[in-house]
Amino acid sequence: QVQLAESGGGLVQAGGSLRLSCAASGRIFSINAMGWYRQAPGKQRELVADITSSGSTHYADSVKGRFTISRDNAENAVYLQMNSLEPEDTAVYYCTAFIRTTGQVMAVTNYWGQGTQVTVSS
């Protein structure tokens, strides 16, 4: 019923920048919080940043000052601007959103995208 599609990953040198985008589509009634997680090889998935529907943000300590999360409620989209990238940022980045669908407006479901690879070379 709902799909999250990420884009913008790729290969970049240390110190460079990338901008990830994620668009939600389908039978959407409303979207609560949206966010980005990442999972590096051999590690657990971890929260990178999230943003509420009113725009309040939260960041992992490791990305504060370097990454910026934003959203466009009209487009059902969330973005992650990543600057000063480090090799430690290499991971698959996943978009997530808490969504009420038109079929079940009383229920909030957590949806995930397929992930996009970010590789930072030293």
N, C-alpha and C. Protein backbone atom coordinates (compact mmCIF):
# COMPACT_ATOMS: atom_id res chain seq x y z
N GLN A 1 0.82 -1.20 0.00
CA GLN A 1 0.00 0.00 0.00
C GLN A 1 0.85 1.25 0.00
N VAL A 2 2.01 1.18 0.66
CA VAL A 2 2.91 2.32 0.74
C VAL A 2 4.31 1.87 0.34
N GLN A 3 4.98 2.71 -0.41
CA GLN A 3 6.36 2.44 -0.78
C GLN A 3 7.23 3.65 -0.43
N LEU A 4 8.45 3.35 0.03
CA LEU A 4 9.46 4.38 0.26
C LEU A 4 10.59 4.13 -0.72
N ALA A 5 10.94 5.13 -1.51
CA ALA A 5 11.97 4.99 -2.52
C ALA A 5 13.11 5.96 -2.23
N GLU A 6 14.30 5.39 -1.96
CA GLU A 6 15.48 6.22 -1.68
C GLU A 6 16.29 6.43 -2.96
N SER A 7 17.03 7.53 -2.97
CA SER A 7 17.95 7.80 -4.06
C SER A 7 19.05 8.70 -3.53
N GLY A 8 20.14 8.79 -4.30
CA GLY A 8 21.21 9.72 -3.96
C GLY A 8 22.46 9.12 -3.40
N GLY A 9 22.47 7.82 -3.16
CA GLY A 9 23.68 7.19 -2.66
C GLY A 9 24.75 7.13 -3.74
N GLY A 10 25.95 6.70 -3.33
CA GLY A 10 27.03 6.59 -4.29
C GLY A 10 28.38 6.53 -3.62
N LEU A 11 29.41 6.73 -4.42
CA LEU A 11 30.79 6.70 -3.96
C LEU A 11 31.32 8.13 -3.92
N VAL A 12 31.93 8.49 -2.81
CA VAL A 12 32.46 9.84 -2.65
C VAL A 12 33.75 9.76 -1.85
N GLN A 13 34.64 10.71 -2.07
CA GLN A 13 35.88 10.76 -1.30
C GLN A 13 35.63 11.39 0.06
N ALA A 14 36.48 11.05 1.00
CA ALA A 14 36.39 11.64 2.33
C ALA A 14 36.42 13.17 2.22
N GLY A 15 35.55 13.80 2.99
CA GLY A 15 35.42 15.25 2.94
C GLY A 15 34.35 15.73 1.98
N GLY A 16 33.84 14.83 1.16
CA GLY A 16 32.84 15.19 0.18
C GLY A 16 31.44 15.20 0.75
N SER A 17 30.47 15.41 -0.14
CA SER A 17 29.07 15.53 0.27
C SER A 17 28.18 14.66 -0.61
N LEU A 18 27.08 14.24 -0.04
CA LEU A 18 26.01 13.55 -0.76
C LEU A 18 24.68 13.99 -0.18
N ARG A 19 23.65 13.93 -0.99
CA ARG A 19 22.30 14.24 -0.52
C ARG A 19 21.40 13.06 -0.85
N LEU A 20 20.85 12.47 0.18
CA LEU A 20 19.91 11.37 0.02
C LEU A 20 18.48 11.90 0.01
N SER A 21 17.67 11.29 -0.82
CA SER A 21 16.25 11.64 -0.90
C SER A 21 15.41 10.38 -0.70
N CYS A 22 14.23 10.58 -0.14
CA CYS A 22 13.31 9.46 0.05
C CYS A 22 11.90 9.99 -0.15
N ALA A 23 11.16 9.36 -1.05
CA ALA A 23 9.80 9.77 -1.33
C ALA A 23 8.84 8.63 -0.99
N ALA A 24 7.81 8.96 -0.25
CA ALA A 24 6.77 7.99 0.09
C ALA A 24 5.62 8.12 -0.90
N SER A 25 5.10 6.98 -1.30
CA SER A 25 3.97 6.98 -2.24
C SER A 25 2.99 5.88 -1.88
N GLY A 26 1.77 6.00 -2.39
CA GLY A 26 0.75 5.00 -2.11
C GLY A 26 -0.44 5.63 -1.42
N ARG A 27 -1.17 4.81 -0.68
CA ARG A 27 -2.40 5.26 -0.04
C ARG A 27 -2.11 5.91 1.31
N ILE A 28 -1.53 7.09 1.24
CA ILE A 28 -1.08 7.80 2.43
C ILE A 28 -2.14 8.76 2.92
N PHE A 29 -2.48 8.64 4.21
CA PHE A 29 -3.38 9.61 4.85
C PHE A 29 -2.56 10.70 5.51
N SER A 30 -1.56 10.30 6.28
CA SER A 30 -0.67 11.26 6.91
C SER A 30 0.62 10.56 7.29
N ILE A 31 1.67 11.37 7.47
CA ILE A 31 2.97 10.85 7.86
C ILE A 31 3.40 11.52 9.15
N ASN A 32 3.75 10.74 10.14
CA ASN A 32 4.28 11.27 11.39
C ASN A 32 5.79 11.46 11.23
N ALA A 33 6.57 10.85 12.08
CA ALA A 33 8.01 11.02 12.00
C ALA A 33 8.58 10.31 10.78
N MET A 34 9.68 10.87 10.28
CA MET A 34 10.46 10.25 9.21
C MET A 34 11.91 10.26 9.64
N GLY A 35 12.70 9.37 9.07
CA GLY A 35 14.08 9.34 9.49
C GLY A 35 14.97 8.52 8.59
N TRP A 36 16.23 8.51 8.98
CA TRP A 36 17.25 7.75 8.27
C TRP A 36 18.02 6.88 9.27
N TYR A 37 18.19 5.64 8.90
CA TYR A 37 19.04 4.70 9.63
C TYR A 37 20.16 4.27 8.68
N ARG A 38 21.19 3.67 9.26
CA ARG A 38 22.24 3.10 8.42
C ARG A 38 22.75 1.80 9.04
N GLN A 39 23.29 0.96 8.17
CA GLN A 39 23.86 -0.30 8.63
C GLN A 39 25.15 -0.56 7.88
N ALA A 40 26.23 -0.58 8.62
CA ALA A 40 27.54 -0.89 8.05
C ALA A 40 27.77 -2.41 8.12
N PRO A 41 28.66 -2.93 7.30
CA PRO A 41 28.92 -4.38 7.31
C PRO A 41 29.34 -4.86 8.70
N GLY A 42 28.68 -5.89 9.17
CA GLY A 42 29.02 -6.47 10.45
C GLY A 42 28.52 -5.71 11.66
N LYS A 43 27.73 -4.66 11.43
CA LYS A 43 27.24 -3.85 12.53
C LYS A 43 25.72 -3.82 12.53
N GLN A 44 25.16 -3.41 13.67
CA GLN A 44 23.71 -3.29 13.78
C GLN A 44 23.24 -2.01 13.10
N ARG A 45 21.99 -2.04 12.67
CA ARG A 45 21.39 -0.84 12.11
C ARG A 45 21.28 0.22 13.20
N GLU A 46 21.63 1.45 12.87
CA GLU A 46 21.61 2.53 13.85
C GLU A 46 20.90 3.75 13.30
N LEU A 47 20.29 4.50 14.20
CA LEU A 47 19.62 5.74 13.82
C LEU A 47 20.65 6.79 13.45
N VAL A 48 20.42 7.46 12.33
CA VAL A 48 21.26 8.58 11.92
C VAL A 48 20.59 9.89 12.31
N ALA A 49 19.35 10.05 11.90
CA ALA A 49 18.61 11.28 12.21
C ALA A 49 17.13 11.03 11.98
N ASP A 50 16.30 11.78 12.72
CA ASP A 50 14.87 11.73 12.45
C ASP A 50 14.27 13.11 12.59
N ILE A 51 13.05 13.24 12.07
CA ILE A 51 12.38 14.54 12.04
C ILE A 51 10.88 14.31 12.21
N THR A 52 10.27 15.09 13.08
CA THR A 52 8.83 14.97 13.30
C THR A 52 8.06 15.71 12.20
N SER A 53 6.76 15.55 12.22
CA SER A 53 5.93 16.22 11.21
C SER A 53 5.97 17.74 11.37
N SER A 54 6.30 18.21 12.56
CA SER A 54 6.39 19.66 12.79
C SER A 54 7.80 20.19 12.58
N GLY A 55 8.76 19.30 12.29
CA GLY A 55 10.10 19.75 11.95
C GLY A 55 11.15 19.63 13.03
N SER A 56 10.81 19.07 14.17
CA SER A 56 11.81 18.87 15.21
C SER A 56 12.75 17.74 14.80
N THR A 57 14.04 17.96 15.02
CA THR A 57 15.03 17.00 14.55
C THR A 57 15.85 16.41 15.69
N HIS A 58 16.42 15.25 15.40
CA HIS A 58 17.29 14.57 16.34
C HIS A 58 18.38 13.88 15.54
N TYR A 59 19.63 13.96 16.04
CA TYR A 59 20.76 13.40 15.33
C TYR A 59 21.58 12.46 16.23
N ALA A 60 22.17 11.46 15.61
CA ALA A 60 23.17 10.67 16.32
C ALA A 60 24.38 11.56 16.58
N ASP A 61 25.06 11.33 17.70
CA ASP A 61 26.21 12.16 18.04
C ASP A 61 27.27 12.12 16.94
N SER A 62 27.40 10.99 16.28
CA SER A 62 28.47 10.83 15.29
C SER A 62 28.28 11.68 14.05
N VAL A 63 27.07 12.19 13.82
CA VAL A 63 26.81 12.97 12.61
C VAL A 63 26.43 14.42 12.90
N LYS A 64 26.31 14.78 14.17
CA LYS A 64 25.93 16.15 14.50
C LYS A 64 26.93 17.14 13.93
N GLY A 65 26.39 18.19 13.32
CA GLY A 65 27.24 19.21 12.72
C GLY A 65 27.68 18.90 11.31
N ARG A 66 27.46 17.66 10.86
CA ARG A 66 27.84 17.29 9.50
C ARG A 66 26.63 16.95 8.63
N PHE A 67 25.62 16.35 9.21
CA PHE A 67 24.43 15.92 8.47
C PHE A 67 23.25 16.81 8.83
N THR A 68 22.37 17.02 7.87
CA THR A 68 21.15 17.78 8.11
C THR A 68 19.96 17.04 7.50
N ILE A 69 18.95 16.79 8.33
CA ILE A 69 17.74 16.15 7.86
C ILE A 69 16.67 17.21 7.63
N SER A 70 15.88 17.02 6.59
CA SER A 70 14.79 17.94 6.31
C SER A 70 13.67 17.14 5.63
N ARG A 71 12.50 17.76 5.53
CA ARG A 71 11.39 17.07 4.89
C ARG A 71 10.51 18.07 4.16
N ASP A 72 9.79 17.55 3.19
CA ASP A 72 8.82 18.33 2.44
C ASP A 72 7.48 17.61 2.61
N ASN A 73 6.63 18.12 3.47
CA ASN A 73 5.38 17.44 3.77
C ASN A 73 4.46 17.38 2.55
N ALA A 74 4.52 18.38 1.71
CA ALA A 74 3.66 18.38 0.51
C ALA A 74 4.06 17.28 -0.46
N GLU A 75 5.34 16.94 -0.45
CA GLU A 75 5.85 15.91 -1.36
C GLU A 75 6.00 14.55 -0.69
N ASN A 76 5.66 14.47 0.60
CA ASN A 76 5.86 13.22 1.37
C ASN A 76 7.30 12.74 1.26
N ALA A 77 8.22 13.66 1.41
CA ALA A 77 9.63 13.34 1.19
C ALA A 77 10.48 13.76 2.38
N VAL A 78 11.59 13.05 2.53
CA VAL A 78 12.58 13.37 3.55
C VAL A 78 13.95 13.33 2.90
N TYR A 79 14.83 14.20 3.37
CA TYR A 79 16.14 14.34 2.77
C TYR A 79 17.22 14.25 3.85
N LEU A 80 18.42 13.87 3.42
CA LEU A 80 19.56 13.85 4.33
C LEU A 80 20.75 14.44 3.59
N GLN A 81 21.13 15.65 3.98
CA GLN A 81 22.31 16.30 3.41
C GLN A 81 23.50 15.87 4.26
N MET A 82 24.47 15.24 3.63
CA MET A 82 25.63 14.72 4.33
C MET A 82 26.88 15.44 3.85
N ASN A 83 27.50 16.17 4.75
CA ASN A 83 28.73 16.91 4.44
C ASN A 83 29.89 16.35 5.25
N SER A 84 31.09 16.71 4.82
CA SER A 84 32.30 16.27 5.53
C SER A 84 32.27 14.76 5.79
N LEU A 85 31.95 14.02 4.76
CA LEU A 85 31.81 12.57 4.92
C LEU A 85 33.14 11.92 5.28
N GLU A 86 33.02 10.89 6.09
CA GLU A 86 34.17 10.14 6.58
C GLU A 86 34.02 8.67 6.18
N PRO A 87 35.14 7.95 6.07
CA PRO A 87 35.02 6.52 5.72
C PRO A 87 34.09 5.75 6.68
N GLU A 88 34.03 6.21 7.93
CA GLU A 88 33.16 5.55 8.91
C GLU A 88 31.67 5.73 8.60
N ASP A 89 31.36 6.62 7.68
CA ASP A 89 29.96 6.81 7.27
C ASP A 89 29.52 5.80 6.22
N THR A 90 30.44 5.00 5.73
CA THR A 90 30.11 3.99 4.74
C THR A 90 29.11 2.99 5.30
N ALA A 91 27.99 2.85 4.60
CA ALA A 91 26.91 1.99 5.07
C ALA A 91 25.79 1.98 4.04
N VAL A 92 24.84 1.10 4.25
CA VAL A 92 23.57 1.17 3.52
C VAL A 92 22.65 2.07 4.35
N TYR A 93 22.09 3.07 3.73
CA TYR A 93 21.22 4.02 4.40
C TYR A 93 19.77 3.71 4.06
N TYR A 94 18.95 3.63 5.11
CA TYR A 94 17.54 3.28 4.97
C TYR A 94 16.66 4.44 5.41
N CYS A 95 15.67 4.70 4.61
CA CYS A 95 14.64 5.67 4.96
C CYS A 95 13.52 4.96 5.73
N THR A 96 12.94 5.64 6.70
CA THR A 96 11.84 5.06 7.45
C THR A 96 10.79 6.14 7.72
N ALA A 97 9.55 5.72 7.84
CA ALA A 97 8.48 6.67 8.09
C ALA A 97 7.34 5.97 8.82
N PHE A 98 6.68 6.73 9.69
CA PHE A 98 5.51 6.24 10.40
C PHE A 98 4.28 6.85 9.72
N ILE A 99 3.47 5.97 9.13
CA ILE A 99 2.44 6.43 8.19
C ILE A 99 1.08 5.86 8.57
N ARG A 100 0.09 6.73 8.45
CA ARG A 100 -1.32 6.30 8.50
C ARG A 100 -1.80 6.19 7.06
N THR A 101 -2.36 5.05 6.70
CA THR A 101 -2.86 4.89 5.35
C THR A 101 -4.34 5.23 5.29
N THR A 102 -4.81 5.45 4.08
CA THR A 102 -6.22 5.80 3.91
C THR A 102 -7.13 4.65 4.30
N GLY A 103 -6.62 3.44 4.29
CA GLY A 103 -7.42 2.29 4.66
C GLY A 103 -7.50 2.06 6.15
N GLN A 104 -6.51 2.59 6.90
CA GLN A 104 -6.46 2.37 8.36
C GLN A 104 -5.96 3.64 9.04
N VAL A 105 -6.79 4.64 9.09
CA VAL A 105 -6.33 5.94 9.59
C VAL A 105 -6.09 5.93 11.09
N MET A 106 -6.61 4.93 11.80
CA MET A 106 -6.40 4.86 13.24
C MET A 106 -5.11 4.16 13.61
N ALA A 107 -4.45 3.56 12.64
CA ALA A 107 -3.23 2.80 12.92
C ALA A 107 -2.04 3.46 12.27
N VAL A 108 -0.91 3.45 12.99
CA VAL A 108 0.35 3.98 12.46
C VAL A 108 1.28 2.80 12.19
N THR A 109 1.77 2.72 10.97
CA THR A 109 2.65 1.63 10.57
C THR A 109 4.02 2.18 10.21
N ASN A 110 5.05 1.46 10.62
CA ASN A 110 6.43 1.85 10.32
C ASN A 110 6.86 1.19 9.01
N TYR A 111 7.11 2.02 8.01
CA TYR A 111 7.56 1.53 6.71
C TYR A 111 9.05 1.81 6.52
N TRP A 112 9.69 0.96 5.70
CA TRP A 112 11.11 1.09 5.41
C TRP A 112 11.36 1.06 3.91
N GLY A 113 12.36 1.79 3.49
CA GLY A 113 12.80 1.70 2.11
C GLY A 113 13.75 0.54 1.93
N GLN A 114 14.18 0.35 0.68
CA GLN A 114 15.06 -0.77 0.35
C GLN A 114 16.52 -0.49 0.71
N GLY A 115 16.86 0.75 0.88
CA GLY A 115 18.23 1.12 1.22
C GLY A 115 19.02 1.61 0.02
N THR A 116 19.96 2.50 0.31
CA THR A 116 20.85 3.00 -0.73
C THR A 116 22.28 3.00 -0.18
N GLN A 117 23.21 2.54 -0.99
CA GLN A 117 24.60 2.38 -0.54
C GLN A 117 25.33 3.71 -0.59
N VAL A 118 26.01 4.02 0.50
CA VAL A 118 26.91 5.17 0.56
C VAL A 118 28.30 4.63 0.89
N THR A 119 29.25 4.93 0.03
CA THR A 119 30.63 4.48 0.23
C THR A 119 31.54 5.70 0.22
N VAL A 120 32.32 5.85 1.29
CA VAL A 120 33.24 6.98 1.42
C VAL A 120 34.66 6.43 1.39
N SER A 121 35.42 6.84 0.41
CA SER A 121 36.79 6.36 0.29
C SER A 121 37.76 7.32 0.98
N SER A 122 38.82 6.76 1.52
CA SER A 122 39.80 7.57 2.26
C SER A 122 40.89 8.08 1.34
